[in-house]
């Protein structure tokens, strides 16, 4: 799996985690607010246009703006599965 595919998998997992917390409509709506991401109705990343690390950061920023530190805590377990990828703040 190349780096872009890893980012797609990671971002899809981030969205899946947020679907559990926020519900599918809000989680997907927030993910679609990141202009470089193409997201399916089910929350899967179909395409990343541009820098995937920046897309991930923008996505996390969208969720953090909505629900704060809860998001960061919930996502830490997801990020540990992808140790080779750059972490977000």
C-alpha atoms as a PDB file:
ATOM      1  CA  UNK A   1       0.000   0.000   0.000  1.00  0.00           C
ATOM      2  CA  UNK A   2       1.580   3.285  -1.051  1.00  0.00           C
ATOM      3  CA  UNK A   3       1.537   6.419   1.101  1.00  0.00           C
ATOM      4  CA  UNK A   4      -1.494   7.963  -0.623  1.00  0.00           C
ATOM      5  CA  UNK A   5      -3.475   4.751  -0.143  1.00  0.00           C
ATOM      6  CA  UNK A   6      -2.457   4.724   3.525  1.00  0.00           C
ATOM      7  CA  UNK A   7      -3.716   8.286   3.888  1.00  0.00           C
ATOM      8  CA  UNK A   8      -6.996   7.334   2.194  1.00  0.00           C
ATOM      9  CA  UNK A   9      -7.375   4.446   4.652  1.00  0.00           C
ATOM     10  CA  UNK A  10      -6.437   6.628   7.630  1.00  0.00           C
ATOM     11  CA  UNK A  11      -8.784   9.468   6.664  1.00  0.00           C
ATOM     12  CA  UNK A  12     -11.593   6.969   5.991  1.00  0.00           C
ATOM     13  CA  UNK A  13     -11.057   5.548   9.499  1.00  0.00           C
ATOM     14  CA  UNK A  14     -11.089   9.040  10.992  1.00  0.00           C
ATOM     15  CA  UNK A  15     -14.419   9.695   9.278  1.00  0.00           C
ATOM     16  CA  UNK A  16     -15.778   6.293  10.404  1.00  0.00           C
ATOM     17  CA  UNK A  17     -14.858   7.133  14.001  1.00  0.00           C
ATOM     18  CA  UNK A  18     -16.641  10.470  13.692  1.00  0.00           C
ATOM     19  CA  UNK A  19     -19.723   8.784  12.193  1.00  0.00           C
ATOM     20  CA  UNK A  20     -20.009   6.832  15.459  1.00  0.00           C
ATOM     21  CA  UNK A  21     -19.622  10.009  17.527  1.00  0.00           C
ATOM     22  CA  UNK A  22     -21.453  12.604  15.425  1.00  0.00           C
ATOM     23  CA  UNK A  23     -23.694  10.508  13.189  1.00  0.00           C
ATOM     24  CA  UNK A  24     -23.238   9.932   9.459  1.00  0.00           C
ATOM     25  CA  UNK A  25     -24.763  13.151   8.144  1.00  0.00           C
ATOM     26  CA  UNK A  26     -22.643  15.554  10.201  1.00  0.00           C
ATOM     27  CA  UNK A  27     -19.454  13.486   9.931  1.00  0.00           C
ATOM     28  CA  UNK A  28     -19.661  13.242   6.120  1.00  0.00           C
ATOM     29  CA  UNK A  29     -20.749  16.873   5.765  1.00  0.00           C
ATOM     30  CA  UNK A  30     -17.697  18.019   7.755  1.00  0.00           C
ATOM     31  CA  UNK A  31     -15.397  15.758   5.722  1.00  0.00           C
ATOM     32  CA  UNK A  32     -16.778  17.221   2.510  1.00  0.00           C
ATOM     33  CA  UNK A  33     -15.911  20.690   3.823  1.00  0.00           C
ATOM     34  CA  UNK A  34     -12.277  19.790   3.062  1.00  0.00           C
ATOM     35  CA  UNK A  35     -12.035  20.816  -0.607  1.00  0.00           C
ATOM     36  CA  UNK A  36      -9.219  18.400  -1.518  1.00  0.00           C
ATOM     37  CA  UNK A  37     -11.183  15.323  -0.404  1.00  0.00           C
ATOM     38  CA  UNK A  38     -13.838  13.442  -2.358  1.00  0.00           C
ATOM     39  CA  UNK A  39     -15.992  11.505   0.107  1.00  0.00           C
ATOM     40  CA  UNK A  40     -18.617   8.838  -0.604  1.00  0.00           C
ATOM     41  CA  UNK A  41     -22.027   9.001   1.063  1.00  0.00           C
ATOM     42  CA  UNK A  42     -20.814   6.245   3.399  1.00  0.00           C
ATOM     43  CA  UNK A  43     -17.800   8.281   4.503  1.00  0.00           C
ATOM     44  CA  UNK A  44     -15.084   6.562   2.450  1.00  0.00           C
ATOM     45  CA  UNK A  45     -12.346   8.661   0.868  1.00  0.00           C
ATOM     46  CA  UNK A  46     -12.584   8.224  -2.892  1.00  0.00           C
ATOM     47  CA  UNK A  47      -9.903  10.727  -3.867  1.00  0.00           C
ATOM     48  CA  UNK A  48      -7.341  13.071  -2.349  1.00  0.00           C
ATOM     49  CA  UNK A  49      -6.359  15.983  -4.578  1.00  0.00           C
ATOM     50  CA  UNK A  50      -3.218  17.668  -3.328  1.00  0.00           C
ATOM     51  CA  UNK A  51      -1.163  17.021  -0.215  1.00  0.00           C
ATOM     52  CA  UNK A  52      -2.757  14.186   1.798  1.00  0.00           C
ATOM     53  CA  UNK A  53      -1.100  15.353   5.035  1.00  0.00           C
ATOM     54  CA  UNK A  54      -2.684  18.784   4.666  1.00  0.00           C
ATOM     55  CA  UNK A  55      -6.038  17.176   3.836  1.00  0.00           C
ATOM     56  CA  UNK A  56      -5.810  15.113   7.031  1.00  0.00           C
ATOM     57  CA  UNK A  57      -4.931  18.199   9.078  1.00  0.00           C
ATOM     58  CA  UNK A  58      -7.872  20.158   7.618  1.00  0.00           C
ATOM     59  CA  UNK A  59     -10.226  17.273   8.301  1.00  0.00           C
ATOM     60  CA  UNK A  60      -9.112  16.987  11.923  1.00  0.00           C
ATOM     61  CA  UNK A  61      -9.422  20.787  12.251  1.00  0.00           C
ATOM     62  CA  UNK A  62     -13.029  20.564  10.985  1.00  0.00           C
ATOM     63  CA  UNK A  63     -13.917  17.944  13.589  1.00  0.00           C
ATOM     64  CA  UNK A  64     -12.001  19.654  16.407  1.00  0.00           C
ATOM     65  CA  UNK A  65     -13.786  22.940  15.645  1.00  0.00           C
ATOM     66  CA  UNK A  66     -17.048  21.060  16.085  1.00  0.00           C
ATOM     67  CA  UNK A  67     -16.312  18.988  19.161  1.00  0.00           C
ATOM     68  CA  UNK A  68     -12.916  19.942  20.541  1.00  0.00           C
ATOM     69  CA  UNK A  69     -10.612  17.721  22.515  1.00  0.00           C
ATOM     70  CA  UNK A  70     -13.014  14.771  22.453  1.00  0.00           C
ATOM     71  CA  UNK A  71     -12.120  14.288  18.791  1.00  0.00           C
ATOM     72  CA  UNK A  72      -8.366  14.273  19.388  1.00  0.00           C
ATOM     73  CA  UNK A  73      -8.707  11.744  22.187  1.00  0.00           C
ATOM     74  CA  UNK A  74     -10.940   9.477  20.114  1.00  0.00           C
ATOM     75  CA  UNK A  75      -8.583   9.568  17.132  1.00  0.00           C
ATOM     76  CA  UNK A  76      -5.341   8.763  18.935  1.00  0.00           C
ATOM     77  CA  UNK A  77      -5.995   5.033  18.621  1.00  0.00           C
ATOM     78  CA  UNK A  78      -6.529   5.375  14.878  1.00  0.00           C
ATOM     79  CA  UNK A  79      -3.291   7.321  14.376  1.00  0.00           C
ATOM     80  CA  UNK A  80      -1.217   4.680  16.170  1.00  0.00           C
ATOM     81  CA  UNK A  81      -2.054   2.209  13.371  1.00  0.00           C
ATOM     82  CA  UNK A  82      -0.196   4.394  10.858  1.00  0.00           C
ATOM     83  CA  UNK A  83       3.161   5.078  12.533  1.00  0.00           C
ATOM     84  CA  UNK A  84       4.963   5.972   9.302  1.00  0.00           C
ATOM     85  CA  UNK A  85       2.606   8.827   8.470  1.00  0.00           C
ATOM     86  CA  UNK A  86       3.031  12.358   9.736  1.00  0.00           C
ATOM     87  CA  UNK A  87       0.931  13.134  12.802  1.00  0.00           C
ATOM     88  CA  UNK A  88      -1.427  16.070  13.081  1.00  0.00           C
ATOM     89  CA  UNK A  89      -1.365  18.630  15.885  1.00  0.00           C
END
